[in-house]
């Protein structure tokens, strides 16, 4: 027997969510460390978010909410990097 919640879960979306959140939290570290760690994790999160979005759309939109939050985290990370986060002290 499967649980009723098992059909709604999208593990790829949750992975994108956590990678995006980790990238956002690590991005402010100065001296290019944040650029490498935060930027790298946000790129991985972006790839996972696209995959999760396609999986969610194939299942009638189930499990897309974490992808939306991951996209917000990714956008904030990239905006922070473009403003100098992770590069300058």
C-alpha atoms as a PDB file:
ATOM      1  CA  UNK A   1       0.000   0.000   0.000  1.00  0.00           C
ATOM      2  CA  UNK A   2       1.169   3.477  -0.768  1.00  0.00           C
ATOM      3  CA  UNK A   3       0.385   6.512   1.299  1.00  0.00           C
ATOM      4  CA  UNK A   4      -1.929   9.166  -0.127  1.00  0.00           C
ATOM      5  CA  UNK A   5       0.856  11.748  -0.014  1.00  0.00           C
ATOM      6  CA  UNK A   6       3.311   9.590  -1.990  1.00  0.00           C
ATOM      7  CA  UNK A   7       1.714  10.507  -5.308  1.00  0.00           C
ATOM      8  CA  UNK A   8       2.136  14.231  -4.661  1.00  0.00           C
ATOM      9  CA  UNK A   9       5.792  14.241  -3.752  1.00  0.00           C
ATOM     10  CA  UNK A  10       8.382  15.522  -6.199  1.00  0.00           C
ATOM     11  CA  UNK A  11      11.858  14.709  -4.813  1.00  0.00           C
ATOM     12  CA  UNK A  12      13.624  16.614  -7.580  1.00  0.00           C
ATOM     13  CA  UNK A  13      11.681  19.735  -6.646  1.00  0.00           C
ATOM     14  CA  UNK A  14      12.711  19.394  -3.015  1.00  0.00           C
ATOM     15  CA  UNK A  15      16.346  18.898  -4.042  1.00  0.00           C
ATOM     16  CA  UNK A  16      16.148  22.096  -6.112  1.00  0.00           C
ATOM     17  CA  UNK A  17      14.582  23.872  -3.122  1.00  0.00           C
ATOM     18  CA  UNK A  18      17.362  22.856  -0.706  1.00  0.00           C
ATOM     19  CA  UNK A  19      20.193  23.495  -3.184  1.00  0.00           C
ATOM     20  CA  UNK A  20      18.708  26.919  -3.962  1.00  0.00           C
ATOM     21  CA  UNK A  21      18.375  27.776  -0.278  1.00  0.00           C
ATOM     22  CA  UNK A  22      21.945  26.637   0.447  1.00  0.00           C
ATOM     23  CA  UNK A  23      23.220  28.716  -2.476  1.00  0.00           C
ATOM     24  CA  UNK A  24      21.379  31.771  -1.200  1.00  0.00           C
ATOM     25  CA  UNK A  25      22.764  31.344   2.310  1.00  0.00           C
ATOM     26  CA  UNK A  26      26.350  30.747   1.150  1.00  0.00           C
ATOM     27  CA  UNK A  27      26.431  33.539  -1.443  1.00  0.00           C
ATOM     28  CA  UNK A  28      27.393  36.414   0.943  1.00  0.00           C
ATOM     29  CA  UNK A  29      30.701  34.793   1.976  1.00  0.00           C
ATOM     30  CA  UNK A  30      33.429  37.191   0.730  1.00  0.00           C
ATOM     31  CA  UNK A  31      36.634  36.658  -1.276  1.00  0.00           C
ATOM     32  CA  UNK A  32      35.054  34.681  -4.143  1.00  0.00           C
ATOM     33  CA  UNK A  33      34.120  31.806  -1.806  1.00  0.00           C
ATOM     34  CA  UNK A  34      30.459  32.790  -1.952  1.00  0.00           C
ATOM     35  CA  UNK A  35      30.672  33.184  -5.704  1.00  0.00           C
ATOM     36  CA  UNK A  36      31.941  29.633  -6.140  1.00  0.00           C
ATOM     37  CA  UNK A  37      29.813  27.943  -3.462  1.00  0.00           C
ATOM     38  CA  UNK A  38      26.612  29.952  -3.785  1.00  0.00           C
ATOM     39  CA  UNK A  39      26.812  30.327  -7.546  1.00  0.00           C
ATOM     40  CA  UNK A  40      27.645  26.675  -8.089  1.00  0.00           C
ATOM     41  CA  UNK A  41      24.800  25.468  -5.916  1.00  0.00           C
ATOM     42  CA  UNK A  42      22.371  27.850  -7.601  1.00  0.00           C
ATOM     43  CA  UNK A  43      23.327  26.495 -11.034  1.00  0.00           C
ATOM     44  CA  UNK A  44      22.701  22.945  -9.817  1.00  0.00           C
ATOM     45  CA  UNK A  45      19.409  24.116  -8.309  1.00  0.00           C
ATOM     46  CA  UNK A  46      18.387  25.736 -11.604  1.00  0.00           C
ATOM     47  CA  UNK A  47      19.011  22.509 -13.526  1.00  0.00           C
ATOM     48  CA  UNK A  48      17.084  20.485 -10.945  1.00  0.00           C
ATOM     49  CA  UNK A  49      14.254  23.045 -10.960  1.00  0.00           C
ATOM     50  CA  UNK A  50      13.775  22.709 -14.710  1.00  0.00           C
ATOM     51  CA  UNK A  51      13.701  18.918 -14.438  1.00  0.00           C
ATOM     52  CA  UNK A  52      11.288  19.090 -11.486  1.00  0.00           C
ATOM     53  CA  UNK A  53       9.043  21.532 -13.316  1.00  0.00           C
ATOM     54  CA  UNK A  54       8.798  19.208 -16.301  1.00  0.00           C
ATOM     55  CA  UNK A  55       8.054  16.259 -14.006  1.00  0.00           C
ATOM     56  CA  UNK A  56       5.440  18.270 -12.131  1.00  0.00           C
ATOM     57  CA  UNK A  57       3.726  19.430 -15.300  1.00  0.00           C
ATOM     58  CA  UNK A  58       3.610  15.850 -16.545  1.00  0.00           C
ATOM     59  CA  UNK A  59       1.729  14.967 -13.333  1.00  0.00           C
ATOM     60  CA  UNK A  60      -0.863  17.748 -13.654  1.00  0.00           C
ATOM     61  CA  UNK A  61       1.072  20.275 -11.600  1.00  0.00           C
ATOM     62  CA  UNK A  62       1.621  18.156  -8.506  1.00  0.00           C
ATOM     63  CA  UNK A  63       4.728  19.055  -6.545  1.00  0.00           C
ATOM     64  CA  UNK A  64       5.473  22.379  -8.239  1.00  0.00           C
ATOM     65  CA  UNK A  65       5.405  24.592  -5.108  1.00  0.00           C
ATOM     66  CA  UNK A  66       9.014  23.797  -4.081  1.00  0.00           C
ATOM     67  CA  UNK A  67      10.116  24.640  -7.639  1.00  0.00           C
ATOM     68  CA  UNK A  68       8.590  28.100  -7.321  1.00  0.00           C
ATOM     69  CA  UNK A  69      10.457  28.747  -4.075  1.00  0.00           C
ATOM     70  CA  UNK A  70      13.661  27.338  -5.588  1.00  0.00           C
ATOM     71  CA  UNK A  71      13.297  29.753  -8.515  1.00  0.00           C
ATOM     72  CA  UNK A  72      12.935  32.644  -6.058  1.00  0.00           C
ATOM     73  CA  UNK A  73      16.062  31.540  -4.168  1.00  0.00           C
ATOM     74  CA  UNK A  74      17.985  31.179  -7.440  1.00  0.00           C
ATOM     75  CA  UNK A  75      16.926  34.633  -8.625  1.00  0.00           C
ATOM     76  CA  UNK A  76      17.919  36.217  -5.311  1.00  0.00           C
ATOM     77  CA  UNK A  77      21.290  34.444  -5.397  1.00  0.00           C
ATOM     78  CA  UNK A  78      22.049  35.586  -8.934  1.00  0.00           C
ATOM     79  CA  UNK A  79      20.905  39.127  -8.122  1.00  0.00           C
ATOM     80  CA  UNK A  80      23.145  39.143  -5.071  1.00  0.00           C
ATOM     81  CA  UNK A  81      26.123  37.892  -7.061  1.00  0.00           C
ATOM     82  CA  UNK A  82      25.559  40.499  -9.767  1.00  0.00           C
ATOM     83  CA  UNK A  83      25.479  43.181  -7.038  1.00  0.00           C
ATOM     84  CA  UNK A  84      28.857  42.047  -5.701  1.00  0.00           C
ATOM     85  CA  UNK A  85      27.888  39.401  -3.167  1.00  0.00           C
ATOM     86  CA  UNK A  86      30.523  36.743  -2.666  1.00  0.00           C
ATOM     87  CA  UNK A  87      33.176  38.833  -4.392  1.00  0.00           C
ATOM     88  CA  UNK A  88      33.833  41.915  -2.269  1.00  0.00           C
ATOM     89  CA  UNK A  89      34.418  42.028   1.437  1.00  0.00           C
END
